[in-house]
Protein backbone atom coordinates (compact mmCIF):
# COMPACT_ATOMS: atom_id res chain seq x y z
CA MET A 1 -20.74 13.39 7.96
CA GLN A 2 -18.67 9.97 7.93
CA PHE A 3 -14.84 10.17 7.72
CA TYR A 4 -12.24 7.52 6.84
CA ASN A 5 -8.53 6.85 6.69
CA VAL A 6 -8.51 4.65 3.52
CA HIS A 7 -4.90 3.35 4.12
CA SER A 8 -3.42 1.86 7.34
CA HIS A 9 -1.68 -1.40 8.33
CA ILE A 10 -2.21 -3.17 11.76
CA PHE A 11 -0.13 -6.17 11.37
CA ASN A 12 2.80 -6.87 13.53
CA ILE A 13 6.40 -8.22 13.16
CA ARG A 14 5.18 -11.87 13.80
CA ASN A 15 2.85 -11.56 10.61
CA ALA A 16 5.86 -10.11 8.70
CA PRO A 17 8.49 -12.27 7.08
CA ARG A 18 11.04 -13.60 9.54
CA ASN A 19 13.81 -11.48 7.96
CA PHE A 20 11.81 -8.31 7.63
CA LEU A 21 14.21 -5.97 9.24
CA ASN A 22 16.90 -7.11 6.91
CA LEU A 23 15.11 -5.59 4.04
CA PHE A 24 16.08 -2.22 5.69
CA LEU A 25 19.20 -2.83 7.76
CA PRO A 26 22.37 -4.49 7.31
CA ASP A 27 22.34 -8.05 8.68
CA PHE A 28 24.25 -7.69 11.66
CA ALA A 29 22.21 -4.65 12.89
CA ALA A 30 18.83 -6.45 11.87
CA SER A 31 19.56 -9.50 13.80
CA THR A 32 20.95 -7.46 16.96
CA VAL A 33 17.79 -4.99 17.13
CA ASP A 34 15.40 -8.14 16.43
CA ARG A 35 17.02 -10.08 19.41
CA ILE A 36 17.05 -7.09 21.71
CA THR A 37 13.61 -6.03 21.20
CA ASN A 38 12.11 -9.39 21.49
CA THR A 39 11.62 -8.85 25.22
CA ASP A 40 9.54 -5.92 26.91
CA ALA A 41 12.57 -4.90 28.83
CA GLY A 42 14.90 -5.19 25.63
CA SER A 43 12.54 -3.24 23.87
CA ASN A 44 12.14 -0.58 26.38
CA LEU A 45 15.81 -0.26 26.78
CA PHE A 46 16.48 -0.24 22.92
CA GLN A 47 13.68 2.67 22.36
CA MET A 48 15.38 4.81 25.39
CA LEU A 49 18.76 4.39 23.90
CA LEU A 50 17.64 5.36 20.28
CA THR A 51 15.31 8.17 21.73
CA ARG A 52 18.37 9.72 23.83
CA PHE A 53 21.07 9.32 21.39
CA GLY A 54 19.42 8.96 18.00
CA GLY A 55 17.99 12.21 17.72
CA ASN A 56 14.60 12.64 16.07
CA LEU A 57 15.10 9.81 13.63
CA GLY A 58 16.09 7.57 16.24
CA LYS A 59 12.98 8.60 18.33
CA ARG A 60 10.74 7.87 15.11
CA TYR A 61 12.58 4.55 14.45
CA ALA A 62 11.75 3.60 18.13
CA SER A 63 8.15 4.27 17.80
CA PHE A 64 8.09 2.19 14.55
CA LEU A 65 9.50 -0.72 16.17
CA GLN A 66 7.39 -0.15 19.34
CA VAL A 67 4.09 -0.49 17.18
CA GLY A 68 5.38 -3.51 15.04
CA LYS A 69 6.44 -5.27 18.04
CA SER A 70 3.06 -4.98 19.65
CA ARG A 71 1.68 -8.30 20.92
CA ASN A 72 -1.18 -8.78 18.57
CA GLN A 73 -3.29 -6.72 15.81
CA ARG A 74 -5.66 -5.38 18.41
CA GLU A 75 -3.15 -3.78 20.18
CA ILE A 76 -1.76 -2.05 17.02
CA PHE A 77 -5.44 -0.99 16.07
CA GLU A 78 -6.05 0.33 19.50
CA ARG A 79 -3.24 2.28 19.45
CA LEU A 80 -4.38 3.85 15.94
CA ARG A 81 -7.74 4.67 16.91
CA ASN A 82 -6.49 6.69 19.85
CA GLN A 83 -4.83 8.93 17.52
CA TYR A 84 -8.10 10.30 16.39
CA ASP A 85 -10.45 12.82 18.17
CA ASP A 86 -13.22 11.48 15.86
CA PRO A 87 -14.41 8.22 17.58
CA HIS A 88 -16.54 7.51 14.49
CA LEU A 89 -13.70 7.62 11.89
CA LYS A 90 -13.62 4.34 9.96
CA ILE A 91 -10.29 2.77 9.45
CA VAL A 92 -9.21 0.75 6.40
CA ALA A 93 -6.84 -1.88 7.55
CA LEU A 94 -4.91 -3.54 4.71
CA THR A 95 -3.52 -6.97 5.05
CA MET A 96 -0.53 -8.08 2.98
CA TYR A 97 0.63 -11.53 1.97
CA MET A 98 4.57 -11.17 2.34
CA GLU A 99 5.29 -14.87 2.41
CA LYS A 100 7.43 -15.07 -0.61
CA CYS A 101 9.59 -11.79 -0.79
CA GLY A 102 12.72 -13.16 -0.23
CA ALA A 103 12.89 -12.68 3.38
CA GLY A 104 11.52 -15.64 4.97
CA PRO A 105 8.21 -16.74 6.11
CA SER A 106 6.09 -15.10 8.58
CA GLU A 107 5.77 -16.46 12.29
CA THR A 108 2.11 -16.73 12.00
CA GLY A 109 1.46 -17.71 8.11
CA TYR A 110 -0.77 -15.48 5.94
CA GLU A 111 -3.88 -17.15 7.49
CA GLY A 112 -2.83 -16.73 10.72
CA GLN A 113 -2.56 -12.77 9.88
CA LEU A 114 -6.18 -12.94 8.69
CA GLU A 115 -7.60 -15.05 11.63
CA GLY A 116 -6.07 -12.20 13.96
CA VAL A 117 -7.46 -9.36 11.75
CA ILE A 118 -10.86 -10.94 11.87
CA GLU A 119 -11.06 -11.01 15.53
CA VAL A 120 -10.29 -7.60 15.76
CA LYS A 121 -13.05 -7.07 13.17
CA LYS A 122 -15.65 -8.98 15.58
CA GLU A 123 -14.93 -6.40 18.30
CA ASN A 124 -14.85 -3.40 16.10
CA PRO A 125 -17.65 -4.22 13.38
CA ASP A 126 -18.50 -0.62 12.36
CA ASN A 127 -15.15 1.37 12.68
CA LEU A 128 -12.80 -1.29 11.15
CA LEU A 129 -12.88 -2.25 7.27
CA ILE A 130 -10.30 -4.89 6.20
CA PHE A 131 -8.86 -5.26 2.54
CA LEU A 132 -7.83 -8.69 1.88
CA GLY A 133 -4.46 -8.94 0.67
CA ILE A 134 -3.87 -11.26 -2.62
CA ASP A 135 -0.79 -12.38 -4.30
CA PRO A 136 -0.64 -14.87 -7.36
CA ARG A 137 1.84 -16.75 -5.45
CA TRP A 138 -0.63 -17.50 -2.60
CA LYS A 139 -2.58 -20.20 -4.40
CA ALA A 140 -1.81 -22.86 -7.07
CA THR A 141 -4.01 -21.46 -9.81
CA GLY A 142 -6.10 -18.41 -10.55
CA LYS A 143 -9.47 -20.30 -9.94
CA GLU A 144 -8.34 -21.59 -6.58
CA LEU A 145 -7.36 -17.87 -5.87
CA LYS A 146 -10.69 -16.43 -6.77
CA GLU A 147 -12.50 -19.17 -4.88
CA THR A 148 -10.57 -18.51 -1.66
CA VAL A 149 -11.19 -14.79 -1.69
CA GLU A 150 -15.00 -15.19 -2.33
CA ARG A 151 -14.91 -17.78 0.51
CA TYR A 152 -13.12 -15.13 2.57
CA PHE A 153 -15.61 -12.29 1.64
CA GLU A 154 -18.88 -14.26 2.10
CA THR A 155 -17.99 -15.83 5.48
CA LYS A 156 -19.69 -13.28 7.77
CA VAL A 157 -18.40 -12.67 11.06
CA GLN A 158 -20.89 -13.19 13.87
CA VAL A 159 -20.80 -9.89 15.94
CA SER A 160 -23.79 -10.74 18.26
CA THR A 161 -26.56 -13.38 18.14
CA GLU A 162 -28.58 -10.63 16.19
CA ARG A 163 -25.88 -9.20 13.83
CA SER A 164 -23.30 -10.58 11.49
CA VAL A 165 -21.05 -8.69 9.05
CA TYR A 166 -19.02 -9.13 6.09
CA PRO A 167 -15.28 -9.21 7.17
CA PHE A 168 -13.77 -7.80 4.13
CA VAL A 169 -14.49 -5.16 1.83
CA GLY A 170 -12.02 -4.66 -0.79
CA LEU A 171 -8.67 -6.17 -2.17
CA LYS A 172 -5.17 -5.06 -1.44
CA ILE A 173 -1.99 -6.08 -4.00
CA TYR A 174 1.54 -5.11 -3.40
CA PRO A 175 3.30 -5.93 -6.57
CA SER A 176 6.70 -4.86 -5.58
CA LEU A 177 6.90 -8.13 -3.72
CA GLY A 178 7.37 -9.84 -7.05
CA PHE A 179 4.60 -9.69 -9.37
CA TYR A 180 2.84 -7.49 -11.89
CA ALA A 181 -0.93 -6.62 -11.51
CA PHE A 182 -1.64 -8.16 -14.82
CA ASP A 183 -0.55 -11.65 -13.69
CA GLU A 184 -2.70 -14.18 -15.09
CA LYS A 185 -3.51 -15.77 -11.84
CA LEU A 186 -5.28 -12.50 -10.69
CA LYS A 187 -7.60 -12.32 -13.69
CA GLU A 188 -10.33 -14.27 -12.19
CA THR A 189 -10.43 -12.44 -9.10
CA PHE A 190 -10.37 -9.06 -10.75
CA GLU A 191 -13.15 -10.30 -12.73
CA TRP A 192 -15.42 -11.04 -9.85
CA ALA A 193 -14.14 -7.88 -8.03
CA ALA A 194 -15.63 -5.83 -11.11
CA GLU A 195 -18.83 -7.67 -10.95
CA ASN A 196 -19.43 -6.96 -7.44
CA GLY A 197 -17.87 -3.25 -7.24
CA VAL A 198 -15.10 -4.71 -4.95
CA PRO A 199 -12.27 -1.93 -4.67
CA VAL A 200 -8.50 -3.00 -5.39
CA LEU A 201 -5.78 -0.72 -3.72
CA SER A 202 -2.14 -0.98 -5.03
CA HIS A 203 1.03 0.10 -3.66
CA CYS A 204 2.29 2.57 -6.27
CA SER A 205 5.08 4.77 -4.62
CA TYR A 206 8.28 5.08 -6.58
CA LEU A 207 11.20 3.52 -4.75
CA GLY A 208 9.19 3.25 -1.67
CA GLY A 209 8.07 0.51 0.75
CA ILE A 210 8.74 -3.21 0.89
CA TYR A 211 10.36 -5.21 -2.03
CA ASN A 212 11.42 -8.78 -3.15
CA ASN A 213 14.90 -9.49 -1.99
CA ASP A 214 15.26 -12.90 -4.08
CA THR A 215 17.66 -11.47 -6.86
CA SER A 216 17.23 -14.36 -9.22
CA PHE A 217 13.42 -14.66 -8.79
CA VAL A 218 13.23 -10.66 -9.15
CA ASN A 219 15.46 -10.85 -12.28
CA ALA A 220 13.83 -13.58 -13.80
CA SER A 221 10.26 -12.22 -13.56
CA LEU A 222 10.66 -8.71 -15.13
CA ASN A 223 9.21 -9.46 -18.76
CA PRO A 224 6.35 -11.83 -18.09
CA LEU A 225 3.34 -12.50 -20.39
CA ASP A 226 0.48 -9.57 -20.04
CA VAL A 227 -2.60 -11.91 -20.21
CA TYR A 228 -4.84 -8.97 -20.93
CA GLU A 229 -2.66 -8.00 -24.17
CA GLY A 230 -1.58 -11.50 -25.02
CA LYS A 231 2.02 -10.05 -25.43
CA ARG A 232 5.19 -9.84 -22.96
CA TYR A 233 5.29 -6.90 -21.22
CA ALA A 234 8.01 -5.21 -23.23
CA ASP A 235 6.41 -5.79 -26.19
CA THR A 236 3.18 -3.81 -25.34
CA PHE A 237 5.08 -0.86 -25.71
CA GLY A 238 5.90 -1.41 -29.57
CA ASN A 239 7.94 -3.85 -31.35
CA GLY A 240 11.78 -3.57 -30.83
CA THR A 241 11.39 -2.08 -27.16
CA PRO A 242 14.04 -3.63 -25.20
CA PRO A 243 12.80 -5.70 -21.96
CA PRO A 244 13.08 -4.25 -18.38
CA SER A 245 16.79 -4.61 -17.17
CA PRO A 246 17.71 -5.46 -13.67
CA ASP A 247 19.76 -2.69 -11.74
CA GLN A 248 23.47 -3.94 -11.91
CA SER A 249 24.79 -0.59 -10.24
CA MET A 250 27.55 -0.73 -7.63
CA ASN A 251 27.10 1.23 -4.41
CA VAL A 252 30.40 1.04 -2.30
CA PHE A 253 29.14 1.94 0.92
CA LYS A 254 26.09 -0.23 0.61
CA TRP A 255 28.31 -2.91 -0.33
CA ILE A 256 30.56 -2.65 2.56
CA PHE A 257 27.65 -3.17 4.74
CA GLY A 258 26.14 -6.15 2.64
CA GLN A 259 23.37 -4.08 1.39
CA ASN A 260 24.15 -3.50 -2.22
CA ASP A 261 22.09 -6.36 -3.45
CA ASN A 262 19.01 -5.19 -1.32
CA ARG A 263 19.33 -1.90 -3.07
CA ARG A 264 19.64 -3.17 -6.40
CA ASN A 265 16.52 -5.26 -5.67
CA LEU A 266 14.47 -2.21 -4.42
CA ASN A 267 15.47 -0.25 -7.51
CA THR A 268 14.39 -3.16 -9.87
CA CYS A 269 11.20 -3.95 -8.08
CA SER A 270 9.92 -0.45 -9.32
CA TYR A 271 9.30 -2.11 -12.66
CA PHE A 272 6.49 -4.27 -11.00
CA LEU A 273 4.73 -1.12 -9.66
CA GLU A 274 5.20 1.35 -12.31
CA PRO A 275 1.62 3.17 -13.38
CA ALA A 276 2.02 1.98 -16.89
CA SER A 277 1.64 -1.52 -15.95
CA TYR A 278 -1.83 -1.06 -15.08
CA ARG A 279 -3.13 0.41 -18.46
CA SER A 280 -4.03 -3.32 -20.08
CA ILE A 281 -6.11 -4.15 -16.86
CA LEU A 282 -7.84 -0.79 -17.08
CA LYS A 283 -8.50 -1.03 -20.75
CA TYR A 284 -9.74 -4.49 -20.79
CA PHE A 285 -12.59 -3.69 -18.10
CA SER A 286 -13.18 -0.17 -19.59
CA ASP A 287 -13.81 -1.94 -22.97
CA LYS A 288 -16.18 -4.41 -20.99
CA ALA A 289 -18.21 -1.42 -19.61
CA ARG A 290 -17.68 -3.01 -16.26
CA PRO A 291 -15.16 -0.69 -14.53
CA LEU A 292 -12.38 -2.28 -12.07
CA LYS A 293 -12.17 0.36 -9.34
CA ILE A 294 -8.49 0.66 -8.43
CA CYS A 295 -6.60 2.93 -6.04
CA LEU A 296 -3.00 3.62 -7.08
CA ALA A 297 -1.75 4.44 -3.85
CA HIS A 298 0.59 7.17 -2.41
CA TYR A 299 -0.11 9.26 -5.53
CA GLY A 300 3.56 8.19 -6.83
CA GLY A 301 5.23 9.36 -3.73
CA ASP A 302 6.05 12.59 -2.21
CA ASP A 303 9.13 13.28 -4.36
CA HIS A 304 7.16 12.90 -7.54
CA VAL A 305 4.45 14.83 -6.22
CA LEU A 306 6.55 17.86 -5.62
CA ALA A 307 8.53 17.42 -8.87
CA GLU A 308 5.16 17.27 -10.80
CA SER A 309 3.73 20.35 -9.16
CA LYS A 310 6.99 22.09 -10.00
CA ARG A 311 6.89 20.75 -13.56
CA GLU A 312 10.33 19.33 -12.91
CA SER A 313 11.93 16.41 -14.57
CA PRO A 314 12.30 13.24 -12.62
CA GLY A 315 15.38 12.23 -14.09
CA LYS A 316 16.56 8.44 -15.04
CA LEU A 317 13.61 6.11 -13.66
CA TYR A 318 13.48 2.34 -13.11
CA GLY A 319 10.72 1.81 -15.34
CA MET A 320 9.47 1.19 -18.84
CA VAL A 321 8.06 4.48 -18.99
CA GLN A 322 10.43 7.61 -17.97
CA GLU A 323 7.69 9.98 -16.96
CA ASN A 324 6.91 11.22 -13.41
CA TRP A 325 4.70 8.71 -11.53
CA CYS A 326 2.17 11.10 -10.18
CA ALA A 327 1.91 12.50 -13.71
CA GLN A 328 1.27 8.94 -15.06
CA ILE A 329 -1.30 8.46 -12.76
CA LYS A 330 -2.89 11.56 -13.40
CA ASP A 331 -2.98 10.45 -17.11
CA LEU A 332 -4.61 7.25 -16.04
CA ILE A 333 -7.32 8.98 -14.00
CA LYS A 334 -8.06 11.44 -16.91
CA LYS A 335 -8.59 8.40 -19.39
CA TYR A 336 -10.24 5.95 -17.08
CA PRO A 337 -12.16 8.33 -14.85
CA ASP A 338 -14.69 5.54 -13.73
CA SER A 339 -11.85 3.45 -12.37
CA VAL A 340 -8.60 4.90 -11.00
CA TYR A 341 -8.32 6.54 -7.52
CA THR A 342 -5.43 7.44 -5.78
CA ASP A 343 -4.55 8.25 -2.14
CA ILE A 344 -2.02 10.48 -0.35
CA ALA A 345 -0.74 7.84 2.31
CA TYR A 346 2.71 8.21 3.48
CA THR A 347 3.05 11.14 0.98
CA VAL A 348 0.99 13.17 3.25
CA GLY A 349 3.67 13.00 6.10
CA ASN A 350 5.70 15.59 3.90
CA ALA A 351 3.78 18.92 4.61
CA ALA A 352 4.92 20.47 1.59
CA THR A 353 3.03 18.24 -0.73
CA HIS A 354 -0.22 19.54 1.02
CA ASP A 355 -0.43 22.36 -1.53
CA ALA A 356 -0.08 20.36 -4.51
CA PHE A 357 -3.23 18.27 -3.55
CA PHE A 358 -5.15 21.14 -2.85
CA LYS A 359 -4.26 22.42 -6.31
CA ASP A 360 -5.36 19.22 -8.01
CA LEU A 361 -8.63 19.34 -5.97
CA GLN A 362 -9.50 22.38 -7.72
CA ASN A 363 -9.36 20.66 -10.93
CA PRO A 364 -12.79 18.60 -12.06
CA LEU A 365 -10.86 15.85 -13.49
CA PHE A 366 -8.96 15.13 -10.09
CA GLN A 367 -11.46 16.40 -7.53
CA ASN A 368 -13.33 13.05 -7.10
CA ARG A 369 -10.41 10.72 -7.15
CA LEU A 370 -8.00 11.85 -4.41
CA MET A 371 -8.31 10.14 -1.00
CA PHE A 372 -7.12 10.62 2.51
CA GLY A 373 -4.96 7.84 4.34
CA THR A 374 -2.05 7.72 6.30
CA ASP A 375 -0.07 4.41 5.99
CA PHE A 376 0.13 3.86 9.64
CA PHE A 377 2.20 1.97 11.07
CA MET A 378 4.83 2.41 8.50
CA THR A 379 4.65 6.18 8.87
CA GLU A 380 5.89 5.95 12.63
CA GLN A 381 9.46 6.13 11.07
CA ILE A 382 8.76 9.65 9.95
CA ILE A 383 6.00 11.19 11.90
CA PRO A 384 3.43 10.31 14.78
CA GLU A 385 0.04 9.50 13.43
CA LYS A 386 -1.84 12.00 15.40
CA ALA A 387 0.59 14.89 14.07
CA ASP A 388 0.06 13.40 10.62
CA TYR A 389 -3.67 13.39 11.04
CA ASN A 390 -4.38 16.90 12.62
CA THR A 391 -1.71 18.68 10.27
CA PHE A 392 -3.24 17.60 7.10
CA ARG A 393 -7.10 17.94 8.37
CA THR A 394 -6.21 21.54 9.83
CA ALA A 395 -4.87 22.54 6.36
CA ALA A 396 -7.59 20.62 4.53
CA LEU A 397 -10.72 22.21 6.49
CA ASN A 398 -9.38 25.46 5.38
CA GLN A 399 -9.41 24.72 1.57
CA ALA A 400 -12.88 25.58 -0.21
CA ILE A 401 -13.61 23.25 -2.86
CA GLY A 402 -16.98 24.47 -4.57
CA ASN A 403 -19.47 23.97 -1.75
CA ALA A 404 -17.36 21.81 0.40
CA ASN A 405 -13.91 21.59 1.73
CA ALA A 406 -10.72 19.34 1.00
CA TRP A 407 -11.10 17.48 4.23
CA GLU A 408 -14.77 16.47 3.36
CA ILE A 409 -14.21 15.45 -0.25
CA MET A 410 -10.74 13.36 0.61
CA ALA A 411 -11.85 11.97 3.75
CA SER A 412 -15.53 11.30 3.46
CA ASN A 413 -16.70 11.71 -0.35
CA ASN A 414 -14.29 10.10 -2.28
CA VAL A 415 -13.63 7.31 0.00
CA ARG A 416 -17.01 6.36 0.47
CA SER A 417 -17.48 6.27 -3.36
CA PHE A 418 -14.48 3.92 -3.96
CA LEU A 419 -15.38 1.71 -1.05
CA THR A 420 -19.05 1.20 -2.20
CA SER A 421 -19.73 -2.39 -3.42
CA LYS A 422 -22.02 -5.67 -2.63
CA TYR A 423 -20.12 -5.96 0.57
CA TYR A 424 -20.01 -2.24 1.96
CA PRO A 425 -23.25 -0.82 0.40
């Protein structure tokens, strides 16, 4: 049986925005860390100090930096692959367009990131499966974006004189970088994806991950036209519904360290991600009887998975719908069973969530929709990849679901169904 990790990243810091660390650290700390870790000697010293004096958190952050500062994507992929005792496990690497998230451009540019990962694909044609990250700001028009995507998919990688393979098998979107999935410029590409069975994987974790740190851009982008509904986003919830409102809260501690705007932007960007924002897309393709396969990743995040399993209220949320994100994803799966998947990436690092996953697998409505992924290397901040993989696999192998077990269902059957397309037949 073939097994998969459906959610990982192998880009390095050179592929990320120049001020990537500033999204998570005060400016003075980010610049210091970046400068020190730019050399092997400095990086080793910093990691030693973090490990020695920072406790487990310091050790994990040191590991995250070590991976991110790797020389190239090949090095990161090899580091990831070596964590598994299954040499045949296939790994999905998600590329990301991060050039316009308010943190500066990357050193390599997005095309440089793609060139690098395609080189790794040439050396690992069977074990590496790549998703092409797309963003409506990447190209000037929707037509140009769709044509660019199609060209990347159709330009085969020459592995040997006798063999060539498609370089990409799916699409990746990351709306909290500053757009909604229903953006008009993505529509033609999604039409093409539905026609060819190409899967789309979208970041969907409440207050988790990378965000757009351009305050004016974020605040001005909250209530655009939903092209599938022909209305402003707020109007799709009924007449008189107030538009999304930016977070204006003040955190004195964050303000002292120059991070209050960062915190506000992180919170506000959850509007771009909320599961409710995918409803119009799913309905559109369902009505055309041509489903768009889309994975709302992370199952909403570990806090929401645990709250949903205990039927606890999530409290006030940044979003148009004040409902638990895991519960919202479940509702979308029920309504669009031919379209919606989810994965447990990053969320799986909290072992308390595992029982909730297994309970949902017992329900026929969700049994074929949950997929295994880890979110390497982002998870290196909280748990080593090998421990993440082994802990979950051991638990999943011991969970019987009908004639199979949870590992076979989540890491094989469901992922294969999600990935199957013209480009991964």
